[in-house]
Amino acid sequence: MARDPATPWEGYLRVAGIEVLTPTVRRIRFEPLAGDTMPFAFAAGQYLKVDLPVAVEPIERSYSICSAPGESGFVEIAVKHEPDGLGSGFLHEELEAGSALRVSGPHGEFTWEPGPAEGTAETLLLIAGGVGITPLMSVLLAAADAGHPGRIVLLASFRTEDEVLFGPEIEALRSRLPGLEVSVFVTDRKRRIGLDELLSYAGPATRAHLCGPAPMMQDLIGRLRELGVPREAIRTEAFVSGRSRETRREKAHAIAVAATAAGVSEFMIGTVGGAPAFPCSPGQSVLDAANAVGVALPQSCGEGACGTCRVRVLSGAYETDDRGMFSADELAAGWRLACQTLPTEDLVIDQ
């Protein structure tokens, strides 16, 4: 039976090569265990989930794809070595070419595909912070392979010159993408992406893809909206570290303990529009509670990377992590990620 392309593939891939890009970033190439063709296709901007054998049970980590969607013989990710990071530590210090790792993919809605809607009148604005440039490289490669004729602007920010990523690859793409404009910002030289840097590129005919640290994305979403970029034309992808997952588990445990001490067994989550309220166990996220009872909420990654599960909290208290997916005005209006929002009392939400 043919595999449903809407269902992520799961299986083992072989590590075909490991390349040092910067002192802290490695590019890792995966190839099929058997045959010459990858067992799945993906869209530019998607990511893989990789099981890493670093404990009694493997841990799962997500890494954006940086290779071209049209490449059928391999797929590549770029991984930054995070201090005390279990997953990135293994991939930098222990992984060897020839190893096989269990992978699932593709995942994610942070996508761009060439098509009739991507005409020459639209500006495709790609904004990266550090290793957040990884999925945007896949977008650039996809655009080059498709002969995309429109304007593409890449604004990439790095802390130091040593951390600048994909310089040779971007330079090689200039001849294939006549509409490509690139600006690199090195923040230790006090150069940052702000309103002035966006003025020439952002407007009603702009589609923007942002990937980087949460504070940078929160600020730039607001700036793009000020300049007239439609909210639905702004796509975001956030970093999700092992530590951030641990922090959420710690918050969930604290909420569950406090609720037990107070004699509370569940919170109720009401929805605008007449749909029945649904229960949420203390320590459970709004998204997990909705999924448990079949309440449909938009979703993709479930871990705060993609920003798909946007909900507006109208009343009630909670713990959350917005991951930089919203501007300051959106946060003030109550917009949150359902997968990161842990109620501490009854809530009312809207979509």
C-alpha atoms as a PDB file:
ATOM      1  CA  MET A   1       0.000   0.000   0.000  1.00  0.00           C
ATOM      2  CA  ALA A   2       1.338   3.449  -0.882  1.00  0.00           C
ATOM      3  CA  ARG A   3       2.106   5.751   2.047  1.00  0.00           C
ATOM      4  CA  ASP A   4      -0.285   8.651   2.639  1.00  0.00           C
ATOM      5  CA  PRO A   5       1.850  11.755   1.927  1.00  0.00           C
ATOM      6  CA  ALA A   6      -0.034  13.619   4.669  1.00  0.00           C
ATOM      7  CA  THR A   7       1.290  11.156   7.263  1.00  0.00           C
ATOM      8  CA  PRO A   8       4.913  11.675   8.377  1.00  0.00           C
ATOM      9  CA  TRP A   9       7.272   8.865   7.420  1.00  0.00           C
ATOM     10  CA  GLU A  10       9.005   6.971  10.233  1.00  0.00           C
ATOM     11  CA  GLY A  11      12.087   4.810   9.954  1.00  0.00           C
ATOM     12  CA  TYR A  12      15.874   4.750   9.982  1.00  0.00           C
ATOM     13  CA  LEU A  13      18.224   6.888   7.927  1.00  0.00           C
ATOM     14  CA  ARG A  14      22.011   6.592   7.663  1.00  0.00           C
ATOM     15  CA  VAL A  15      24.338   9.475   8.513  1.00  0.00           C
ATOM     16  CA  ALA A  16      26.155  10.032   5.224  1.00  0.00           C
ATOM     17  CA  GLY A  17      28.283  12.968   6.292  1.00  0.00           C
ATOM     18  CA  ILE A  18      29.003  15.510   9.011  1.00  0.00           C
ATOM     19  CA  GLU A  19      30.364  18.968   8.153  1.00  0.00           C
ATOM     20  CA  VAL A  20      31.567  21.669  10.527  1.00  0.00           C
ATOM     21  CA  LEU A  21      30.019  24.991   9.451  1.00  0.00           C
ATOM     22  CA  THR A  22      31.031  27.167  12.415  1.00  0.00           C
ATOM     23  CA  PRO A  23      32.599  26.459  15.827  1.00  0.00           C
ATOM     24  CA  THR A  24      29.105  25.657  17.174  1.00  0.00           C
ATOM     25  CA  VAL A  25      27.108  24.411  14.145  1.00  0.00           C
ATOM     26  CA  ARG A  26      27.336  21.162  12.203  1.00  0.00           C
ATOM     27  CA  ARG A  27      25.523  20.128   9.054  1.00  0.00           C
ATOM     28  CA  ILE A  28      24.419  16.489   9.077  1.00  0.00           C
ATOM     29  CA  ARG A  29      23.424  14.628   5.921  1.00  0.00           C
ATOM     30  CA  PHE A  30      21.056  11.658   6.031  1.00  0.00           C
ATOM     31  CA  GLU A  31      20.562   9.160   3.225  1.00  0.00           C
ATOM     32  CA  PRO A  32      18.318   6.104   2.783  1.00  0.00           C
ATOM     33  CA  LEU A  33      19.446   2.802   4.291  1.00  0.00           C
ATOM     34  CA  ALA A  34      18.605   1.054   1.042  1.00  0.00           C
ATOM     35  CA  GLY A  35      18.133   2.418  -2.438  1.00  0.00           C
ATOM     36  CA  ASP A  36      18.964   5.797  -3.884  1.00  0.00           C
ATOM     37  CA  THR A  37      15.750   7.702  -3.222  1.00  0.00           C
ATOM     38  CA  MET A  38      14.568   9.292   0.006  1.00  0.00           C
ATOM     39  CA  PRO A  39      11.426   7.606   1.369  1.00  0.00           C
ATOM     40  CA  PHE A  40       9.608  10.924   1.765  1.00  0.00           C
ATOM     41  CA  ALA A  41       9.281  14.334   0.153  1.00  0.00           C
ATOM     42  CA  PHE A  42       9.068  17.620   2.034  1.00  0.00           C
ATOM     43  CA  ALA A  43       8.283  21.282   1.518  1.00  0.00           C
ATOM     44  CA  ALA A  44      10.801  24.040   2.134  1.00  0.00           C
ATOM     45  CA  GLY A  45      10.662  25.134   5.775  1.00  0.00           C
ATOM     46  CA  GLN A  46       9.708  21.780   7.298  1.00  0.00           C
ATOM     47  CA  TYR A  47      11.630  19.838   9.936  1.00  0.00           C
ATOM     48  CA  LEU A  48      12.506  16.313  11.054  1.00  0.00           C
ATOM     49  CA  LYS A  49      12.110  14.668  14.437  1.00  0.00           C
ATOM     50  CA  VAL A  50      15.137  12.561  15.360  1.00  0.00           C
ATOM     51  CA  ASP A  51      15.428   9.943  18.127  1.00  0.00           C
ATOM     52  CA  LEU A  52      18.776  10.246  19.878  1.00  0.00           C
ATOM     53  CA  PRO A  53      20.184   7.402  22.038  1.00  0.00           C
ATOM     54  CA  VAL A  54      21.495   9.486  24.921  1.00  0.00           C
ATOM     55  CA  ALA A  55      19.652   7.912  27.866  1.00  0.00           C
ATOM     56  CA  VAL A  56      17.870   4.718  28.923  1.00  0.00           C
ATOM     57  CA  GLU A  57      15.187   5.668  26.424  1.00  0.00           C
ATOM     58  CA  PRO A  58      15.932   7.759  23.313  1.00  0.00           C
ATOM     59  CA  ILE A  59      15.064  11.432  23.441  1.00  0.00           C
ATOM     60  CA  GLU A  60      13.293  13.104  20.527  1.00  0.00           C
ATOM     61  CA  ARG A  61      14.513  16.394  19.104  1.00  0.00           C
ATOM     62  CA  SER A  62      13.302  18.493  16.160  1.00  0.00           C
ATOM     63  CA  TYR A  63      15.681  19.972  13.566  1.00  0.00           C
ATOM     64  CA  SER A  64      14.858  22.101  10.545  1.00  0.00           C
ATOM     65  CA  ILE A  65      15.807  20.823   7.098  1.00  0.00           C
ATOM     66  CA  CYS A  66      18.307  23.027   5.267  1.00  0.00           C
ATOM     67  CA  SER A  67      18.595  21.089   1.985  1.00  0.00           C
ATOM     68  CA  ALA A  68      16.544  21.542  -1.172  1.00  0.00           C
ATOM     69  CA  PRO A  69      13.115  19.872  -1.406  1.00  0.00           C
ATOM     70  CA  GLY A  70      13.989  18.788  -4.933  1.00  0.00           C
ATOM     71  CA  GLU A  71      16.964  16.713  -3.763  1.00  0.00           C
ATOM     72  CA  SER A  72      15.809  13.090  -3.717  1.00  0.00           C
ATOM     73  CA  GLY A  73      19.024  11.351  -2.613  1.00  0.00           C
ATOM     74  CA  PHE A  74      19.538  12.915   0.832  1.00  0.00           C
ATOM     75  CA  VAL A  75      18.235  15.363   3.408  1.00  0.00           C
ATOM     76  CA  GLU A  76      20.298  17.693   5.608  1.00  0.00           C
ATOM     77  CA  ILE A  77      19.866  19.419   8.946  1.00  0.00           C
ATOM     78  CA  ALA A  78      22.063  21.980  10.702  1.00  0.00           C
ATOM     79  CA  VAL A  79      22.440  21.687  14.484  1.00  0.00           C
ATOM     80  CA  LYS A  80      23.842  24.205  16.943  1.00  0.00           C
ATOM     81  CA  HIS A  81      25.678  22.819  19.978  1.00  0.00           C
ATOM     82  CA  GLU A  82      23.753  24.225  22.923  1.00  0.00           C
ATOM     83  CA  PRO A  83      25.465  24.386  26.340  1.00  0.00           C
ATOM     84  CA  ASP A  84      24.334  21.359  28.372  1.00  0.00           C
ATOM     85  CA  GLY A  85      22.083  20.266  25.498  1.00  0.00           C
ATOM     86  CA  LEU A  86      21.650  16.484  25.540  1.00  0.00           C
ATOM     87  CA  GLY A  87      20.534  16.226  21.930  1.00  0.00           C
ATOM     88  CA  SER A  88      22.934  18.690  20.351  1.00  0.00           C
ATOM     89  CA  GLY A  89      25.751  17.399  22.555  1.00  0.00           C
ATOM     90  CA  PHE A  90      25.273  13.897  21.188  1.00  0.00           C
ATOM     91  CA  LEU A  91      25.112  15.103  17.578  1.00  0.00           C
ATOM     92  CA  HIS A  92      28.285  17.167  17.987  1.00  0.00           C
ATOM     93  CA  GLU A  93      30.377  14.934  20.216  1.00  0.00           C
ATOM     94  CA  GLU A  94      29.336  11.339  19.576  1.00  0.00           C
ATOM     95  CA  LEU A  95      27.595  10.964  16.232  1.00  0.00           C
ATOM     96  CA  GLU A  96      29.707   9.394  13.484  1.00  0.00           C
ATOM     97  CA  ALA A  97      29.199   8.937   9.757  1.00  0.00           C
ATOM     98  CA  GLY A  98      27.666   5.542   9.043  1.00  0.00           C
ATOM     99  CA  SER A  99      25.413   5.585  12.109  1.00  0.00           C
ATOM    100  CA  ALA A 100      21.699   5.000  11.669  1.00  0.00           C
ATOM    101  CA  LEU A 101      19.130   7.110  13.517  1.00  0.00           C
ATOM    102  CA  ARG A 102      15.380   6.790  13.715  1.00  0.00           C
ATOM    103  CA  VAL A 103      13.710   9.749  12.018  1.00  0.00           C
ATOM    104  CA  SER A 104      10.161  10.900  11.385  1.00  0.00           C
ATOM    105  CA  GLY A 105       9.078  13.567   8.971  1.00  0.00           C
ATOM    106  CA  PRO A 106       8.374  15.829   7.431  1.00  0.00           C
ATOM    107  CA  HIS A 107       6.651  18.040  10.008  1.00  0.00           C
ATOM    108  CA  GLY A 108       5.649  21.683  10.250  1.00  0.00           C
ATOM    109  CA  GLU A 109       3.621  24.431   8.595  1.00  0.00           C
ATOM    110  CA  PHE A 110       6.480  26.956   8.231  1.00  0.00           C
ATOM    111  CA  THR A 111       6.453  26.290   4.516  1.00  0.00           C
ATOM    112  CA  TRP A 112       6.971  28.009   1.208  1.00  0.00           C
ATOM    113  CA  GLU A 113       6.267  26.468  -2.173  1.00  0.00           C
ATOM    114  CA  PRO A 114       6.528  28.187  -5.554  1.00  0.00           C
ATOM    115  CA  GLY A 115       3.273  28.621  -7.367  1.00  0.00           C
ATOM    116  CA  PRO A 116       0.987  31.052  -9.177  1.00  0.00           C
ATOM    117  CA  ALA A 117       0.488  33.085  -5.982  1.00  0.00           C
ATOM    118  CA  GLU A 118       4.222  33.710  -5.712  1.00  0.00           C
ATOM    119  CA  GLY A 119       4.364  36.249  -8.505  1.00  0.00           C
ATOM    120  CA  THR A 120       6.853  38.967  -9.202  1.00  0.00           C
ATOM    121  CA  ALA A 121       4.741  41.600  -7.406  1.00  0.00           C
ATOM    122  CA  GLU A 122       5.216  39.952  -4.013  1.00  0.00           C
ATOM    123  CA  THR A 123       8.294  40.385  -1.835  1.00  0.00           C
ATOM    124  CA  LEU A 124       9.334  37.230   0.003  1.00  0.00           C
ATOM    125  CA  LEU A 125      11.051  38.508   3.152  1.00  0.00           C
ATOM    126  CA  LEU A 126      13.131  35.950   5.054  1.00  0.00           C
ATOM    127  CA  ILE A 127      14.383  37.002   8.494  1.00  0.00           C
ATOM    128  CA  ALA A 128      16.743  34.791  10.480  1.00  0.00           C
ATOM    129  CA  GLY A 129      18.440  34.966  13.844  1.00  0.00           C
ATOM    130  CA  GLY A 130      21.451  32.672  14.204  1.00  0.00           C
ATOM    131  CA  VAL A 131      20.736  29.044  13.364  1.00  0.00           C
ATOM    132  CA  GLY A 132      17.192  30.147  12.517  1.00  0.00           C
ATOM    133  CA  ILE A 133      18.520  30.577   8.996  1.00  0.00           C
ATOM    134  CA  THR A 134      18.392  26.772   8.590  1.00  0.00           C
ATOM    135  CA  PRO A 135      14.820  26.396   7.237  1.00  0.00           C
ATOM    136  CA  LEU A 136      15.213  29.581   5.207  1.00  0.00           C
ATOM    137  CA  MET A 137      18.097  28.019   3.304  1.00  0.00           C
ATOM    138  CA  SER A 138      15.689  25.340   2.148  1.00  0.00           C
ATOM    139  CA  VAL A 139      13.310  28.087   1.004  1.00  0.00           C
ATOM    140  CA  LEU A 140      16.074  29.775  -0.999  1.00  0.00           C
ATOM    141  CA  LEU A 141      17.098  26.502  -2.617  1.00  0.00           C
ATOM    142  CA  ALA A 142      13.487  25.694  -3.494  1.00  0.00           C
ATOM    143  CA  ALA A 143      13.074  29.133  -5.057  1.00  0.00           C
ATOM    144  CA  ALA A 144      16.268  28.710  -7.093  1.00  0.00           C
ATOM    145  CA  ASP A 145      15.248  25.270  -8.313  1.00  0.00           C
ATOM    146  CA  ALA A 146      11.869  26.663  -9.394  1.00  0.00           C
ATOM    147  CA  GLY A 147      13.408  29.639 -11.198  1.00  0.00           C
ATOM    148  CA  HIS A 148      11.465  32.012  -8.958  1.00  0.00           C
ATOM    149  CA  PRO A 149      11.461  35.430 -10.666  1.00  0.00           C
ATOM    150  CA  GLY A 150      10.270  37.592  -7.801  1.00  0.00           C
ATOM    151  CA  ARG A 151      12.013  39.658  -5.171  1.00  0.00           C
ATOM    152  CA  ILE A 152      13.477  37.723  -2.261  1.00  0.00           C
ATOM    153  CA  VAL A 153      15.075  39.528   0.665  1.00  0.00           C
ATOM    154  CA  LEU A 154      17.162  37.720   3.290  1.00  0.00           C
ATOM    155  CA  LEU A 155      17.957  39.568   6.506  1.00  0.00           C
ATOM    156  CA  ALA A 156      20.187  37.369   8.680  1.00  0.00           C
ATOM    157  CA  SER A 157      21.457  38.282  12.146  1.00  0.00           C
ATOM    158  CA  PHE A 158      24.356  36.621  13.962  1.00  0.00           C
ATOM    159  CA  ARG A 159      26.116  37.450  17.203  1.00  0.00           C
ATOM    160  CA  THR A 160      29.672  37.339  15.803  1.00  0.00           C
ATOM    161  CA  GLU A 161      31.457  36.990  12.473  1.00  0.00           C
ATOM    162  CA  ASP A 162      32.456  33.435  13.429  1.00  0.00           C
ATOM    163  CA  GLU A 163      28.793  32.442  13.708  1.00  0.00           C
ATOM    164  CA  VAL A 164      27.714  33.567  10.225  1.00  0.00           C
ATOM    165  CA  LEU A 165      26.176  30.561   8.476  1.00  0.00           C
ATOM    166  CA  PHE A 166      25.838  29.473   4.827  1.00  0.00           C
ATOM    167  CA  GLY A 167      27.870  32.350   3.351  1.00  0.00           C
ATOM    168  CA  PRO A 168      29.239  30.349   0.384  1.00  0.00           C
ATOM    169  CA  GLU A 169      25.859  28.747  -0.322  1.00  0.00           C
ATOM    170  CA  ILE A 170      24.073  32.094  -0.334  1.00  0.00           C
ATOM    171  CA  GLU A 171      26.704  33.633  -2.605  1.00  0.00           C
ATOM    172  CA  ALA A 172      26.266  30.747  -5.059  1.00  0.00           C
ATOM    173  CA  LEU A 173      22.497  31.341  -5.118  1.00  0.00           C
ATOM    174  CA  ARG A 174      22.827  34.936  -6.275  1.00  0.00           C
ATOM    175  CA  SER A 175      23.368  33.876  -9.889  1.00  0.00           C
ATOM    176  CA  ARG A 176      20.313  31.613  -9.767  1.00  0.00           C
ATOM    177  CA  LEU A 177      18.030  34.138  -8.048  1.00  0.00           C
ATOM    178  CA  PRO A 178      18.285  37.514  -9.806  1.00  0.00           C
ATOM    179  CA  GLY A 179      15.759  39.010  -7.381  1.00  0.00           C
ATOM    180  CA  LEU A 180      17.734  38.031  -4.271  1.00  0.00           C
ATOM    181  CA  GLU A 181      18.900  40.748  -1.861  1.00  0.00           C
ATOM    182  CA  VAL A 182      20.945  39.788   1.208  1.00  0.00           C
ATOM    183  CA  SER A 183      21.912  41.759   4.312  1.00  0.00           C
ATOM    184  CA  VAL A 184      23.898  40.208   7.156  1.00  0.00           C
ATOM    185  CA  PHE A 185      23.848  41.826  10.600  1.00  0.00           C
ATOM    186  CA  VAL A 186      26.509  41.065  13.231  1.00  0.00           C
ATOM    187  CA  THR A 187      25.146  42.097  16.602  1.00  0.00           C
ATOM    188  CA  ASP A 188      28.454  42.437  18.416  1.00  0.00           C
ATOM    189  CA  ARG A 189      29.046  45.322  15.999  1.00  0.00           C
ATOM    190  CA  LYS A 190      25.783  46.852  17.263  1.00  0.00           C
ATOM    191  CA  ARG A 191      23.980  46.023  14.010  1.00  0.00           C
ATOM    192  CA  ARG A 192      20.444  44.753  14.503  1.00  0.00           C
ATOM    193  CA  ILE A 193      17.347  44.285  12.369  1.00  0.00           C
ATOM    194  CA  GLY A 194      14.861  46.997  13.272  1.00  0.00           C
ATOM    195  CA  LEU A 195      12.204  49.246  11.776  1.00  0.00           C
ATOM    196  CA  ASP A 196      14.653  51.194   9.630  1.00  0.00           C
ATOM    197  CA  GLU A 197      16.049  47.979   8.140  1.00  0.00           C
ATOM    198  CA  LEU A 198      12.544  46.774   7.240  1.00  0.00           C
ATOM    199  CA  LEU A 199      11.241  49.969   5.646  1.00  0.00           C
ATOM    200  CA  SER A 200      12.423  49.142   2.130  1.00  0.00           C
ATOM    201  CA  TYR A 201      11.037  45.619   2.128  1.00  0.00           C
ATOM    202  CA  ALA A 202       7.863  45.409   4.216  1.00  0.00           C
ATOM    203  CA  GLY A 203       4.370  46.341   3.089  1.00  0.00           C
ATOM    204  CA  PRO A 204       0.973  44.948   2.072  1.00  0.00           C
ATOM    205  CA  ALA A 205       2.548  42.866  -0.744  1.00  0.00           C
ATOM    206  CA  THR A 206       5.144  41.248   1.545  1.00  0.00           C
ATOM    207  CA  ARG A 207       5.149  37.680   2.766  1.00  0.00           C
ATOM    208  CA  ALA A 208       7.494  37.245   5.729  1.00  0.00           C
ATOM    209  CA  HIS A 209       9.046  34.156   7.278  1.00  0.00           C
ATOM    210  CA  LEU A 210      10.770  34.660  10.653  1.00  0.00           C
ATOM    211  CA  CYS A 211      12.886  32.128  12.506  1.00  0.00           C
ATOM    212  CA  GLY A 212      15.088  32.984  15.463  1.00  0.00           C
ATOM    213  CA  PRO A 213      15.184  33.803  19.170  1.00  0.00           C
ATOM    214  CA  ALA A 214      11.852  34.657  20.794  1.00  0.00           C
ATOM    215  CA  PRO A 215      12.618  38.318  21.699  1.00  0.00           C
ATOM    216  CA  MET A 216      13.739  39.074  18.152  1.00  0.00           C
ATOM    217  CA  MET A 217      10.639  37.534  16.599  1.00  0.00           C
ATOM    218  CA  GLN A 218       8.252  39.237  19.035  1.00  0.00           C
ATOM    219  CA  ASP A 219       9.737  42.630  18.183  1.00  0.00           C
ATOM    220  CA  LEU A 220       9.826  42.071  14.423  1.00  0.00           C
ATOM    221  CA  ILE A 221       6.256  40.767  14.193  1.00  0.00           C
ATOM    222  CA  GLY A 222       5.152  44.079  15.669  1.00  0.00           C
ATOM    223  CA  ARG A 223       7.382  46.046  13.299  1.00  0.00           C
ATOM    224  CA  LEU A 224       6.085  44.180  10.257  1.00  0.00           C
ATOM    225  CA  ARG A 225       2.495  44.851  11.278  1.00  0.00           C
ATOM    226  CA  GLU A 226       3.318  48.556  11.686  1.00  0.00           C
ATOM    227  CA  LEU A 227       4.531  48.562   8.093  1.00  0.00           C
ATOM    228  CA  GLY A 228       1.341  47.006   6.767  1.00  0.00           C
ATOM    229  CA  VAL A 229       2.299  43.352   6.359  1.00  0.00           C
ATOM    230  CA  PRO A 230      -0.911  41.300   6.794  1.00  0.00           C
ATOM    231  CA  ARG A 231      -0.801  39.075   9.881  1.00  0.00           C
ATOM    232  CA  GLU A 232      -1.720  36.027   7.814  1.00  0.00           C
ATOM    233  CA  ALA A 233       1.338  36.724   5.630  1.00  0.00           C
ATOM    234  CA  ILE A 234       3.723  36.454   8.593  1.00  0.00           C
ATOM    235  CA  ARG A 235       4.929  32.937   9.395  1.00  0.00           C
ATOM    236  CA  THR A 236       7.072  32.077  12.378  1.00  0.00           C
ATOM    237  CA  GLU A 237       9.201  29.209  13.598  1.00  0.00           C
ATOM    238  CA  ALA A 238      10.744  29.183  17.085  1.00  0.00           C
ATOM    239  CA  PHE A 239      13.720  27.473  18.685  1.00  0.00           C
ATOM    240  CA  VAL A 240      12.660  24.669  21.046  1.00  0.00           C
ATOM    241  CA  SER A 241      15.439  23.449  23.311  1.00  0.00           C
ATOM    242  CA  GLY A 242      15.493  20.477  25.626  1.00  0.00           C
ATOM    243  CA  ARG A 243      15.635  22.916  28.539  1.00  0.00           C
ATOM    244  CA  SER A 244      12.415  24.638  27.451  1.00  0.00           C
ATOM    245  CA  ARG A 245      10.637  21.266  27.422  1.00  0.00           C
ATOM    246  CA  GLU A 246      11.969  20.556  30.904  1.00  0.00           C
ATOM    247  CA  THR A 247      10.763  23.942  32.133  1.00  0.00           C
ATOM    248  CA  ARG A 248       7.264  23.200  30.869  1.00  0.00           C
ATOM    249  CA  ARG A 249       7.256  19.846  32.666  1.00  0.00           C
ATOM    250  CA  GLU A 250       8.389  21.551  35.860  1.00  0.00           C
ATOM    251  CA  LYS A 251       5.585  24.107  35.578  1.00  0.00           C
ATOM    252  CA  ALA A 252       3.054  21.362  34.899  1.00  0.00           C
ATOM    253  CA  HIS A 253       4.201  19.406  37.963  1.00  0.00           C
ATOM    254  CA  ALA A 254       3.999  22.487  40.202  1.00  0.00           C
ATOM    255  CA  ILE A 255       0.468  23.257  38.964  1.00  0.00           C
ATOM    256  CA  ALA A 256      -0.642  19.659  39.597  1.00  0.00           C
ATOM    257  CA  VAL A 257       0.805  19.649  43.119  1.00  0.00           C
ATOM    258  CA  ALA A 258      -0.844  22.981  43.984  1.00  0.00           C
ATOM    259  CA  ALA A 259      -4.211  21.824  42.640  1.00  0.00           C
ATOM    260  CA  THR A 260      -4.059  18.592  44.648  1.00  0.00           C
ATOM    261  CA  ALA A 261      -3.293  20.557  47.793  1.00  0.00           C
ATOM    262  CA  ALA A 262      -6.280  22.803  47.087  1.00  0.00           C
ATOM    263  CA  GLY A 263      -8.586  19.846  46.374  1.00  0.00           C
ATOM    264  CA  VAL A 264      -8.993  20.768  42.687  1.00  0.00           C
ATOM    265  CA  SER A 265      -9.223  17.821  40.276  1.00  0.00           C
ATOM    266  CA  GLU A 266      -9.902  19.683  37.032  1.00  0.00           C
ATOM    267  CA  PHE A 267     -10.306  23.083  35.442  1.00  0.00           C
ATOM    268  CA  MET A 268     -12.944  23.882  32.830  1.00  0.00           C
ATOM    269  CA  ILE A 269     -12.131  25.563  29.535  1.00  0.00           C
ATOM    270  CA  GLY A 270     -15.002  27.411  27.920  1.00  0.00           C
ATOM    271  CA  THR A 271     -15.031  28.447  24.272  1.00  0.00           C
ATOM    272  CA  VAL A 272     -16.701  31.373  22.556  1.00  0.00           C
ATOM    273  CA  GLY A 273     -19.437  30.441  20.107  1.00  0.00           C
ATOM    274  CA  GLY A 274     -21.552  28.034  22.075  1.00  0.00           C
ATOM    275  CA  ALA A 275     -19.308  24.948  22.002  1.00  0.00           C
ATOM    276  CA  PRO A 276     -19.429  22.996  25.279  1.00  0.00           C
ATOM    277  CA  ALA A 277     -16.761  23.654  27.890  1.00  0.00           C
ATOM    278  CA  PHE A 278     -14.239  20.848  28.311  1.00  0.00           C
ATOM    279  CA  PRO A 279     -12.170  19.635  31.280  1.00  0.00           C
ATOM    280  CA  CYS A 280      -8.447  20.145  31.722  1.00  0.00           C
ATOM    281  CA  SER A 281      -6.464  18.211  34.317  1.00  0.00           C
ATOM    282  CA  PRO A 282      -4.071  20.339  36.400  1.00  0.00           C
ATOM    283  CA  GLY A 283      -0.718  20.356  34.605  1.00  0.00           C
ATOM    284  CA  GLN A 284      -2.284  19.607  31.222  1.00  0.00           C
ATOM    285  CA  SER A 285      -1.978  22.088  28.361  1.00  0.00           C
ATOM    286  CA  VAL A 286      -5.011  23.612  26.680  1.00  0.00           C
ATOM    287  CA  LEU A 287      -4.113  21.756  23.472  1.00  0.00           C
ATOM    288  CA  ASP A 288      -3.727  18.365  25.149  1.00  0.00           C
ATOM    289  CA  ALA A 289      -7.016  18.852  27.004  1.00  0.00           C
ATOM    290  CA  ALA A 290      -8.811  19.770  23.771  1.00  0.00           C
ATOM    291  CA  ASN A 291      -7.360  16.783  21.942  1.00  0.00           C
ATOM    292  CA  ALA A 292      -8.373  14.430  24.767  1.00  0.00           C
ATOM    293  CA  VAL A 293     -12.066  15.239  24.282  1.00  0.00           C
ATOM    294  CA  GLY A 294     -12.060  15.798  20.532  1.00  0.00           C
ATOM    295  CA  VAL A 295     -12.299  19.593  20.506  1.00  0.00           C
ATOM    296  CA  ALA A 296     -10.727  20.745  17.249  1.00  0.00           C
ATOM    297  CA  LEU A 297      -7.942  23.315  17.583  1.00  0.00           C
ATOM    298  CA  PRO A 298      -5.463  24.140  14.802  1.00  0.00           C
ATOM    299  CA  GLN A 299      -2.164  22.398  15.489  1.00  0.00           C
ATOM    300  CA  SER A 300       0.989  20.953  13.985  1.00  0.00           C
ATOM    301  CA  CYS A 301       4.110  20.412  16.077  1.00  0.00           C
ATOM    302  CA  GLY A 302       2.621  20.408  19.587  1.00  0.00           C
ATOM    303  CA  GLU A 303       5.807  21.791  21.123  1.00  0.00           C
ATOM    304  CA  GLY A 304       5.685  25.514  20.520  1.00  0.00           C
ATOM    305  CA  ALA A 305       7.877  25.680  17.424  1.00  0.00           C
ATOM    306  CA  CYS A 306       5.373  26.379  14.668  1.00  0.00           C
ATOM    307  CA  GLY A 307       2.849  28.788  16.179  1.00  0.00           C
ATOM    308  CA  THR A 308      -0.127  27.033  14.571  1.00  0.00           C
ATOM    309  CA  CYS A 309      -2.185  26.474  17.743  1.00  0.00           C
ATOM    310  CA  ARG A 310      -3.010  30.125  18.342  1.00  0.00           C
ATOM    311  CA  VAL A 311      -5.859  30.799  20.798  1.00  0.00           C
ATOM    312  CA  ARG A 312      -7.017  33.949  22.538  1.00  0.00           C
ATOM    313  CA  VAL A 313      -7.440  33.638  26.302  1.00  0.00           C
ATOM    314  CA  LEU A 314     -10.333  35.896  27.312  1.00  0.00           C
ATOM    315  CA  SER A 315     -10.400  35.145  31.039  1.00  0.00           C
ATOM    316  CA  GLY A 316      -8.726  33.002  33.670  1.00  0.00           C
ATOM    317  CA  ALA A 317      -5.212  32.474  35.005  1.00  0.00           C
ATOM    318  CA  TYR A 318      -2.501  30.276  33.503  1.00  0.00           C
ATOM    319  CA  GLU A 319       1.217  29.665  33.038  1.00  0.00           C
ATOM    320  CA  THR A 320       2.545  29.968  29.492  1.00  0.00           C
ATOM    321  CA  ASP A 321       5.478  30.496  27.152  1.00  0.00           C
ATOM    322  CA  ASP A 322       4.662  32.450  24.001  1.00  0.00           C
ATOM    323  CA  ARG A 323       8.004  31.543  22.298  1.00  0.00           C
ATOM    324  CA  GLY A 324       8.091  34.943  20.582  1.00  0.00           C
ATOM    325  CA  MET A 325       5.199  33.989  18.307  1.00  0.00           C
ATOM    326  CA  PHE A 326       3.229  37.173  19.004  1.00  0.00           C
ATOM    327  CA  SER A 327       3.815  40.898  18.982  1.00  0.00           C
ATOM    328  CA  ALA A 328       3.435  42.907  22.185  1.00  0.00           C
ATOM    329  CA  ASP A 329      -0.017  44.072  21.025  1.00  0.00           C
ATOM    330  CA  GLU A 330      -1.122  40.501  20.319  1.00  0.00           C
ATOM    331  CA  LEU A 331       0.056  39.375  23.740  1.00  0.00           C
ATOM    332  CA  ALA A 332      -1.860  42.229  25.362  1.00  0.00           C
ATOM    333  CA  ALA A 333      -4.958  41.057  23.476  1.00  0.00           C
ATOM    334  CA  GLY A 334      -4.619  37.582  25.001  1.00  0.00           C
ATOM    335  CA  TRP A 335      -3.141  35.565  22.130  1.00  0.00           C
ATOM    336  CA  ARG A 336      -1.256  32.490  23.326  1.00  0.00           C
ATOM    337  CA  LEU A 337      -0.042  29.069  22.132  1.00  0.00           C
ATOM    338  CA  ALA A 338      -2.483  26.370  23.237  1.00  0.00           C
ATOM    339  CA  CYS A 339       0.317  23.787  23.477  1.00  0.00           C
ATOM    340  CA  GLN A 340       2.260  25.958  25.937  1.00  0.00           C
ATOM    341  CA  THR A 341      -0.646  27.295  28.017  1.00  0.00           C
ATOM    342  CA  LEU A 342      -1.229  25.503  31.341  1.00  0.00           C
ATOM    343  CA  PRO A 343      -4.395  26.658  33.169  1.00  0.00           C
ATOM    344  CA  THR A 344      -4.253  27.387  36.897  1.00  0.00           C
ATOM    345  CA  GLU A 345      -8.004  28.082  37.030  1.00  0.00           C
ATOM    346  CA  ASP A 346     -10.986  27.935  34.687  1.00  0.00           C
ATOM    347  CA  LEU A 347     -10.372  29.639  31.301  1.00  0.00           C
ATOM    348  CA  VAL A 348     -12.441  31.030  28.463  1.00  0.00           C
ATOM    349  CA  ILE A 349     -10.767  30.955  25.039  1.00  0.00           C
ATOM    350  CA  ASP A 350     -11.500  32.033  21.483  1.00  0.00           C
ATOM    351  CA  GLN A 351      -9.787  31.194  18.185  1.00  0.00           C
END
